[in-house]
N, C-alpha and C. Protein backbone atom coordinates (compact mmCIF):
# COMPACT_ATOMS: atom_id res chain seq x y z
N MET A 1 -7.18 -3.83 -2.01
CA MET A 1 -6.21 -2.77 -1.87
C MET A 1 -5.91 -2.18 -3.24
N THR A 2 -5.75 -0.90 -3.25
CA THR A 2 -5.41 -0.24 -4.50
C THR A 2 -3.93 -0.41 -4.80
N LYS A 3 -3.58 -0.11 -6.03
CA LYS A 3 -2.19 -0.26 -6.45
C LYS A 3 -1.27 0.64 -5.63
N GLU A 4 -1.72 1.85 -5.35
CA GLU A 4 -0.90 2.80 -4.60
C GLU A 4 -0.67 2.31 -3.17
N THR A 5 -1.71 1.73 -2.56
CA THR A 5 -1.60 1.23 -1.20
C THR A 5 -0.61 0.08 -1.14
N LYS A 6 -0.66 -0.80 -2.14
CA LYS A 6 0.27 -1.92 -2.18
C LYS A 6 1.72 -1.43 -2.30
N ILE A 7 1.91 -0.40 -3.11
CA ILE A 7 3.26 0.16 -3.28
C ILE A 7 3.76 0.75 -1.97
N ILE A 8 2.91 1.50 -1.29
CA ILE A 8 3.29 2.13 -0.02
C ILE A 8 3.62 1.06 1.02
N VAL A 9 2.77 0.04 1.11
CA VAL A 9 3.02 -1.04 2.07
C VAL A 9 4.33 -1.74 1.75
N GLY A 10 4.59 -1.99 0.47
CA GLY A 10 5.83 -2.62 0.07
C GLY A 10 7.05 -1.80 0.41
N VAL A 11 6.97 -0.50 0.19
CA VAL A 11 8.09 0.38 0.51
C VAL A 11 8.35 0.42 2.02
N LEU A 12 7.28 0.51 2.80
CA LEU A 12 7.44 0.55 4.25
C LEU A 12 7.98 -0.78 4.78
N ALA A 13 7.49 -1.89 4.24
CA ALA A 13 7.98 -3.20 4.67
C ALA A 13 9.45 -3.36 4.29
N GLY A 14 9.81 -2.91 3.11
CA GLY A 14 11.20 -2.99 2.68
C GLY A 14 12.11 -2.14 3.55
N ALA A 15 11.64 -0.96 3.91
CA ALA A 15 12.44 -0.08 4.77
C ALA A 15 12.62 -0.70 6.16
N ALA A 16 11.57 -1.28 6.70
CA ALA A 16 11.66 -1.92 8.01
C ALA A 16 12.59 -3.11 7.96
N LEU A 17 12.48 -3.90 6.92
CA LEU A 17 13.35 -5.06 6.78
C LEU A 17 14.81 -4.64 6.61
N GLY A 18 15.04 -3.62 5.82
CA GLY A 18 16.39 -3.12 5.62
C GLY A 18 17.01 -2.60 6.89
N ALA A 19 16.22 -1.87 7.67
CA ALA A 19 16.72 -1.35 8.94
C ALA A 19 17.03 -2.49 9.91
N THR A 20 16.19 -3.50 9.91
CA THR A 20 16.40 -4.64 10.79
C THR A 20 17.67 -5.40 10.40
N ILE A 21 17.86 -5.61 9.12
CA ILE A 21 19.06 -6.31 8.65
C ILE A 21 20.31 -5.49 8.94
N ALA A 22 20.21 -4.17 8.77
CA ALA A 22 21.35 -3.31 9.07
C ALA A 22 21.74 -3.40 10.54
N LEU A 23 20.74 -3.45 11.42
CA LEU A 23 21.03 -3.59 12.85
C LEU A 23 21.66 -4.95 13.14
N ALA A 24 21.15 -5.97 12.46
CA ALA A 24 21.66 -7.32 12.70
C ALA A 24 23.09 -7.47 12.23
N LEU A 25 23.45 -6.80 11.16
CA LEU A 25 24.78 -6.94 10.59
C LEU A 25 25.77 -5.89 11.07
N SER A 26 25.30 -4.98 11.89
CA SER A 26 26.19 -3.91 12.35
C SER A 26 27.29 -4.49 13.23
N SER A 27 28.37 -3.77 13.33
CA SER A 27 29.50 -4.23 14.14
C SER A 27 29.35 -3.81 15.59
N ASP A 28 28.15 -3.48 15.98
CA ASP A 28 27.89 -3.07 17.36
C ASP A 28 28.21 -4.22 18.30
N SER A 29 28.73 -3.91 19.44
CA SER A 29 29.11 -4.95 20.40
C SER A 29 27.92 -5.49 21.18
N ASN A 30 26.75 -4.95 20.93
CA ASN A 30 25.55 -5.38 21.64
C ASN A 30 24.97 -6.63 20.97
N ASN A 31 25.38 -7.78 21.43
CA ASN A 31 24.92 -9.05 20.86
C ASN A 31 23.48 -9.35 21.21
N GLU A 32 22.95 -8.70 22.23
CA GLU A 32 21.56 -8.95 22.64
C GLU A 32 20.60 -8.57 21.52
N VAL A 33 20.84 -7.44 20.88
CA VAL A 33 19.99 -7.00 19.78
C VAL A 33 20.07 -8.00 18.62
N LYS A 34 21.27 -8.44 18.32
CA LYS A 34 21.45 -9.40 17.23
C LYS A 34 20.76 -10.72 17.55
N ASP A 35 20.84 -11.16 18.80
CA ASP A 35 20.19 -12.40 19.19
C ASP A 35 18.66 -12.29 19.09
N LYS A 36 18.13 -11.15 19.53
CA LYS A 36 16.68 -10.95 19.45
C LYS A 36 16.22 -10.94 18.00
N LEU A 37 16.96 -10.25 17.14
CA LEU A 37 16.59 -10.19 15.72
C LEU A 37 16.71 -11.56 15.07
N SER A 38 17.72 -12.29 15.43
CA SER A 38 17.89 -13.64 14.90
C SER A 38 16.73 -14.53 15.32
N ASP A 39 16.34 -14.46 16.57
CA ASP A 39 15.20 -15.23 17.05
C ASP A 39 13.92 -14.82 16.33
N TRP A 40 13.74 -13.52 16.13
CA TRP A 40 12.54 -13.01 15.47
C TRP A 40 12.46 -13.52 14.03
N PHE A 41 13.59 -13.46 13.30
CA PHE A 41 13.60 -13.95 11.92
C PHE A 41 13.35 -15.45 11.88
N SER A 42 13.91 -16.17 12.81
CA SER A 42 13.70 -17.61 12.88
C SER A 42 12.23 -17.94 13.13
N ASP A 43 11.62 -17.23 14.07
CA ASP A 43 10.20 -17.43 14.34
C ASP A 43 9.34 -17.07 13.13
N LEU A 44 9.70 -15.99 12.46
CA LEU A 44 8.97 -15.57 11.27
C LEU A 44 9.06 -16.63 10.18
N LEU A 45 10.24 -17.17 9.98
CA LEU A 45 10.43 -18.21 8.97
C LEU A 45 9.63 -19.46 9.32
N ASP A 46 9.66 -19.86 10.58
CA ASP A 46 8.91 -21.04 11.00
C ASP A 46 7.41 -20.86 10.82
N SER A 47 6.89 -19.70 11.19
CA SER A 47 5.45 -19.47 11.05
C SER A 47 5.06 -19.38 9.57
N SER A 48 5.93 -18.83 8.75
CA SER A 48 5.64 -18.75 7.31
C SER A 48 5.59 -20.14 6.70
N LYS A 49 6.51 -21.01 7.11
CA LYS A 49 6.52 -22.38 6.60
C LYS A 49 5.25 -23.11 6.97
N SER A 50 4.81 -22.98 8.21
CA SER A 50 3.60 -23.69 8.64
C SER A 50 2.37 -23.15 7.94
N LYS A 51 2.29 -21.84 7.75
CA LYS A 51 1.14 -21.27 7.05
C LYS A 51 1.12 -21.70 5.59
N LEU A 52 2.27 -21.73 4.95
CA LEU A 52 2.32 -22.13 3.55
C LEU A 52 1.99 -23.61 3.38
N SER A 53 2.43 -24.45 4.31
CA SER A 53 2.10 -25.87 4.19
C SER A 53 0.61 -26.08 4.40
N GLY A 54 0.01 -25.34 5.31
CA GLY A 54 -1.45 -25.41 5.50
C GLY A 54 -2.19 -24.94 4.27
N LEU A 55 -1.68 -23.91 3.64
CA LEU A 55 -2.30 -23.40 2.43
C LEU A 55 -2.20 -24.41 1.30
N ALA A 56 -1.07 -25.08 1.19
CA ALA A 56 -0.88 -26.10 0.15
C ALA A 56 -1.83 -27.26 0.38
N ASP A 57 -2.03 -27.65 1.63
CA ASP A 57 -2.96 -28.73 1.93
C ASP A 57 -4.39 -28.36 1.55
N ARG A 58 -4.79 -27.14 1.88
CA ARG A 58 -6.14 -26.70 1.52
C ARG A 58 -6.32 -26.62 0.02
N ALA A 59 -5.31 -26.15 -0.68
CA ALA A 59 -5.39 -26.06 -2.14
C ALA A 59 -5.52 -27.46 -2.75
N SER A 60 -4.80 -28.41 -2.19
CA SER A 60 -4.89 -29.79 -2.67
C SER A 60 -6.28 -30.36 -2.42
N ASP A 61 -6.85 -30.07 -1.26
CA ASP A 61 -8.21 -30.54 -0.96
C ASP A 61 -9.23 -29.94 -1.92
N VAL A 62 -9.10 -28.66 -2.21
CA VAL A 62 -10.02 -28.01 -3.14
C VAL A 62 -9.87 -28.59 -4.53
N ALA A 63 -8.64 -28.84 -4.95
CA ALA A 63 -8.41 -29.43 -6.28
C ALA A 63 -9.03 -30.81 -6.35
N ASP A 64 -8.92 -31.61 -5.29
CA ASP A 64 -9.54 -32.93 -5.28
C ASP A 64 -11.05 -32.84 -5.38
N LYS A 65 -11.66 -31.89 -4.66
CA LYS A 65 -13.11 -31.72 -4.71
C LYS A 65 -13.57 -31.31 -6.10
N VAL A 66 -12.80 -30.44 -6.74
CA VAL A 66 -13.14 -30.01 -8.10
C VAL A 66 -13.05 -31.19 -9.07
N LYS A 67 -12.01 -32.00 -8.93
CA LYS A 67 -11.87 -33.19 -9.76
C LYS A 67 -13.05 -34.13 -9.59
N ASP A 68 -13.45 -34.33 -8.32
CA ASP A 68 -14.57 -35.21 -8.05
C ASP A 68 -15.86 -34.71 -8.68
N LYS A 69 -16.10 -33.40 -8.62
CA LYS A 69 -17.32 -32.82 -9.20
C LYS A 69 -17.29 -32.90 -10.72
N ILE A 70 -16.10 -32.75 -11.30
CA ILE A 70 -16.01 -32.80 -12.76
C ILE A 70 -16.24 -34.23 -13.26
N THR A 71 -15.71 -35.21 -12.58
CA THR A 71 -15.84 -36.59 -13.02
C THR A 71 -17.18 -37.21 -12.65
N ALA A 72 -17.92 -36.59 -11.73
CA ALA A 72 -19.20 -37.15 -11.28
C ALA A 72 -20.32 -36.89 -12.25
């Protein structure tokens, strides 16, 4: 991705996140929207944690293989 594309994606993601947070924190009496957003953020956090732990495990495995090749 080019630098400009990354900037555009970041701005759009930030705008979407800001709008979502604004809806979640609004004083609107519609608790259904807040509950859905809360569930969505919770699911997003859970999936991010699992992906990051998997990534850490793979990185550890690669580091071990590199160590083995260097010492062999």
